[in-house]
Amino acid sequence: MNFYVSLIPGSRIISVKRHGAEGPGPAGSVLLASFSLGGLTVKCSDSFVHHEFTFTPSISMFITCRTEDEIDHLAKELGVAGKFLMPLNNYGFSRKFAWVNDRFGVSWQLNLE
């Protein structure tokens, strides 16, 4: 949450509720939080339950960037310890586009306006 808010202009943390010592999750982990990414409200939590699934790129956050500096910066930062599915390039449908799974496994599609 902090990472995304630091990258996307006009973003902020709205609320954070954490587990206490009584649980059921580890004390201090996020029970429920919400944050705004450039006007889009996102809700999240730390799951203490082990799941057999992870994030997939079938759902992505899509950002339309206004400048080349913006798309270059986002692609670079989201790509740190992540994996590019489509590196920043001209793919015909867009003069500059990238698709990246970030270090947390969240999928991002970045497009230059």
C-alpha atoms as a PDB file:
ATOM      1  CA  MET A   1       0.000   0.000   0.000  1.00  0.00           C
ATOM      2  CA  ASN A   2       2.726   2.464   0.974  1.00  0.00           C
ATOM      3  CA  PHE A   3       4.752   1.526  -2.113  1.00  0.00           C
ATOM      4  CA  TYR A   4       1.859   2.121  -4.514  1.00  0.00           C
ATOM      5  CA  VAL A   5       0.794   5.380  -2.862  1.00  0.00           C
ATOM      6  CA  SER A   6       4.383   6.645  -3.150  1.00  0.00           C
ATOM      7  CA  LEU A   7       4.429   5.934  -6.919  1.00  0.00           C
ATOM      8  CA  ILE A   8       1.038   7.085  -8.183  1.00  0.00           C
ATOM      9  CA  PRO A   9       0.362  10.859  -8.079  1.00  0.00           C
ATOM     10  CA  GLY A  10      -2.832  11.863  -6.289  1.00  0.00           C
ATOM     11  CA  SER A  11      -2.813   8.743  -4.090  1.00  0.00           C
ATOM     12  CA  ARG A  12      -3.268   8.401  -0.345  1.00  0.00           C
ATOM     13  CA  ILE A  13      -3.961   5.915   2.431  1.00  0.00           C
ATOM     14  CA  ILE A  14      -7.565   6.264   3.576  1.00  0.00           C
ATOM     15  CA  SER A  15      -7.706   3.897   6.544  1.00  0.00           C
ATOM     16  CA  VAL A  16      -5.891   1.000   8.178  1.00  0.00           C
ATOM     17  CA  LYS A  17      -7.309  -1.376  10.794  1.00  0.00           C
ATOM     18  CA  ARG A  18      -4.823  -3.872  12.244  1.00  0.00           C
ATOM     19  CA  HIS A  19      -5.138  -7.147  14.125  1.00  0.00           C
ATOM     20  CA  GLY A  20      -4.475  -6.817  17.837  1.00  0.00           C
ATOM     21  CA  ALA A  21      -2.722  -9.232  20.159  1.00  0.00           C
ATOM     22  CA  GLU A  22      -6.004 -11.177  20.470  1.00  0.00           C
ATOM     23  CA  GLY A  23      -5.885 -12.100  16.754  1.00  0.00           C
ATOM     24  CA  PRO A  24      -7.153 -13.837  14.825  1.00  0.00           C
ATOM     25  CA  GLY A  25      -4.270 -12.701  12.561  1.00  0.00           C
ATOM     26  CA  PRO A  26      -0.751 -11.832  13.692  1.00  0.00           C
ATOM     27  CA  ALA A  27      -0.675  -8.682  15.829  1.00  0.00           C
ATOM     28  CA  GLY A  28      -0.015  -5.624  13.684  1.00  0.00           C
ATOM     29  CA  SER A  29      -0.960  -7.256  10.383  1.00  0.00           C
ATOM     30  CA  VAL A  30      -3.636  -5.526   8.313  1.00  0.00           C
ATOM     31  CA  LEU A  31      -7.190  -6.647   9.037  1.00  0.00           C
ATOM     32  CA  LEU A  32      -8.653  -4.222   6.483  1.00  0.00           C
ATOM     33  CA  ALA A  33      -7.245  -1.146   4.785  1.00  0.00           C
ATOM     34  CA  SER A  34      -8.258   1.140   1.983  1.00  0.00           C
ATOM     35  CA  PHE A  35      -6.219   3.473  -0.143  1.00  0.00           C
ATOM     36  CA  SER A  36      -6.769   5.679  -3.149  1.00  0.00           C
ATOM     37  CA  LEU A  37      -4.640   5.242  -6.272  1.00  0.00           C
ATOM     38  CA  GLY A  38      -5.165   8.351  -8.353  1.00  0.00           C
ATOM     39  CA  GLY A  39      -8.854   8.385  -7.391  1.00  0.00           C
ATOM     40  CA  LEU A  40      -9.526   4.610  -7.488  1.00  0.00           C
ATOM     41  CA  THR A  41     -10.299   3.198  -4.032  1.00  0.00           C
ATOM     42  CA  VAL A  42      -8.600  -0.144  -3.366  1.00  0.00           C
ATOM     43  CA  LYS A  43      -9.262  -2.349  -0.325  1.00  0.00           C
ATOM     44  CA  CYS A  44      -6.794  -4.895   0.981  1.00  0.00           C
ATOM     45  CA  SER A  45      -5.882  -7.118   3.912  1.00  0.00           C
ATOM     46  CA  ASP A  46      -3.056  -9.374   5.072  1.00  0.00           C
ATOM     47  CA  SER A  47      -4.319 -12.929   4.834  1.00  0.00           C
ATOM     48  CA  PHE A  48      -2.936 -15.150   7.558  1.00  0.00           C
ATOM     49  CA  VAL A  49      -4.619 -18.180   5.938  1.00  0.00           C
ATOM     50  CA  HIS A  50      -2.395 -20.179   3.553  1.00  0.00           C
ATOM     51  CA  HIS A  51      -4.013 -20.367   0.125  1.00  0.00           C
ATOM     52  CA  GLU A  52      -3.210 -22.623  -2.819  1.00  0.00           C
ATOM     53  CA  PHE A  53      -3.410 -19.645  -5.190  1.00  0.00           C
ATOM     54  CA  THR A  54      -1.541 -16.399  -5.786  1.00  0.00           C
ATOM     55  CA  PHE A  55      -2.120 -13.340  -7.918  1.00  0.00           C
ATOM     56  CA  THR A  56      -2.411 -13.879 -11.663  1.00  0.00           C
ATOM     57  CA  PRO A  57      -2.091 -11.374 -14.515  1.00  0.00           C
ATOM     58  CA  SER A  58      -5.699 -12.125 -15.516  1.00  0.00           C
ATOM     59  CA  ILE A  59      -6.608  -9.038 -13.465  1.00  0.00           C
ATOM     60  CA  SER A  60      -4.371  -5.991 -13.787  1.00  0.00           C
ATOM     61  CA  MET A  61      -4.220  -2.441 -12.571  1.00  0.00           C
ATOM     62  CA  PHE A  62      -4.215  -0.299 -15.731  1.00  0.00           C
ATOM     63  CA  ILE A  63      -2.626   3.140 -15.689  1.00  0.00           C
ATOM     64  CA  THR A  64      -2.743   5.614 -18.539  1.00  0.00           C
ATOM     65  CA  CYS A  65       0.361   7.788 -18.250  1.00  0.00           C
ATOM     66  CA  ARG A  66       0.419  11.334 -19.586  1.00  0.00           C
ATOM     67  CA  THR A  67       4.190  11.647 -20.117  1.00  0.00           C
ATOM     68  CA  GLU A  68       7.099   9.454 -21.108  1.00  0.00           C
ATOM     69  CA  ASP A  69       8.835  10.331 -17.829  1.00  0.00           C
ATOM     70  CA  GLU A  70       5.813   9.031 -15.900  1.00  0.00           C
ATOM     71  CA  ILE A  71       5.592   5.694 -17.751  1.00  0.00           C
ATOM     72  CA  ASP A  72       9.379   5.221 -17.633  1.00  0.00           C
ATOM     73  CA  HIS A  73       9.424   5.863 -13.860  1.00  0.00           C
ATOM     74  CA  LEU A  74       6.464   3.568 -13.105  1.00  0.00           C
ATOM     75  CA  ALA A  75       7.818   0.751 -15.292  1.00  0.00           C
ATOM     76  CA  LYS A  76      11.223   0.992 -13.642  1.00  0.00           C
ATOM     77  CA  GLU A  77       9.914   1.063 -10.055  1.00  0.00           C
ATOM     78  CA  LEU A  78       7.209  -1.595 -10.523  1.00  0.00           C
ATOM     79  CA  GLY A  79       9.760  -3.815 -12.288  1.00  0.00           C
ATOM     80  CA  VAL A  80      12.230  -3.841  -9.370  1.00  0.00           C
ATOM     81  CA  ALA A  81      12.245  -7.467  -8.119  1.00  0.00           C
ATOM     82  CA  GLY A  82       9.237  -8.088 -10.383  1.00  0.00           C
ATOM     83  CA  LYS A  83       8.815  -9.671 -13.800  1.00  0.00           C
ATOM     84  CA  PHE A  84       7.982  -8.003 -17.099  1.00  0.00           C
ATOM     85  CA  LEU A  85       5.345  -9.827 -19.128  1.00  0.00           C
ATOM     86  CA  MET A  86       5.742  -7.216 -21.885  1.00  0.00           C
ATOM     87  CA  PRO A  87       8.735  -4.880 -21.494  1.00  0.00           C
ATOM     88  CA  LEU A  88       8.273  -1.179 -22.155  1.00  0.00           C
ATOM     89  CA  ASN A  89       7.997  -0.860 -25.950  1.00  0.00           C
ATOM     90  CA  ASN A  90       5.889   0.127 -28.962  1.00  0.00           C
ATOM     91  CA  TYR A  91       3.527  -2.783 -29.673  1.00  0.00           C
ATOM     92  CA  GLY A  92       1.497  -1.163 -32.446  1.00  0.00           C
ATOM     93  CA  PHE A  93      -1.648  -0.748 -30.353  1.00  0.00           C
ATOM     94  CA  SER A  94       0.311   1.724 -28.196  1.00  0.00           C
ATOM     95  CA  ARG A  95       3.445   3.748 -28.881  1.00  0.00           C
ATOM     96  CA  LYS A  96       4.667   2.918 -25.359  1.00  0.00           C
ATOM     97  CA  PHE A  97       3.263   0.105 -23.212  1.00  0.00           C
ATOM     98  CA  ALA A  98       4.464  -2.233 -20.470  1.00  0.00           C
ATOM     99  CA  TRP A  99       2.894  -5.118 -18.568  1.00  0.00           C
ATOM    100  CA  VAL A 100       4.653  -6.074 -15.351  1.00  0.00           C
ATOM    101  CA  ASN A 101       4.035  -8.214 -12.290  1.00  0.00           C
ATOM    102  CA  ASP A 102       5.512  -6.256  -9.390  1.00  0.00           C
ATOM    103  CA  ARG A 103       7.481  -7.631  -6.431  1.00  0.00           C
ATOM    104  CA  PHE A 104       4.213  -8.446  -4.641  1.00  0.00           C
ATOM    105  CA  GLY A 105       2.731 -10.314  -7.616  1.00  0.00           C
ATOM    106  CA  VAL A 106       0.274  -7.576  -8.597  1.00  0.00           C
ATOM    107  CA  SER A 107      -0.102  -7.151 -12.360  1.00  0.00           C
ATOM    108  CA  TRP A 108       0.154  -3.661 -13.892  1.00  0.00           C
ATOM    109  CA  GLN A 109      -0.477  -2.514 -17.444  1.00  0.00           C
ATOM    110  CA  LEU A 110       1.048   0.866 -18.215  1.00  0.00           C
ATOM    111  CA  ASN A 111       0.089   2.785 -21.331  1.00  0.00           C
ATOM    112  CA  LEU A 112       1.316   6.114 -22.656  1.00  0.00           C
ATOM    113  CA  GLU A 113      -1.614   8.359 -23.550  1.00  0.00           C
END
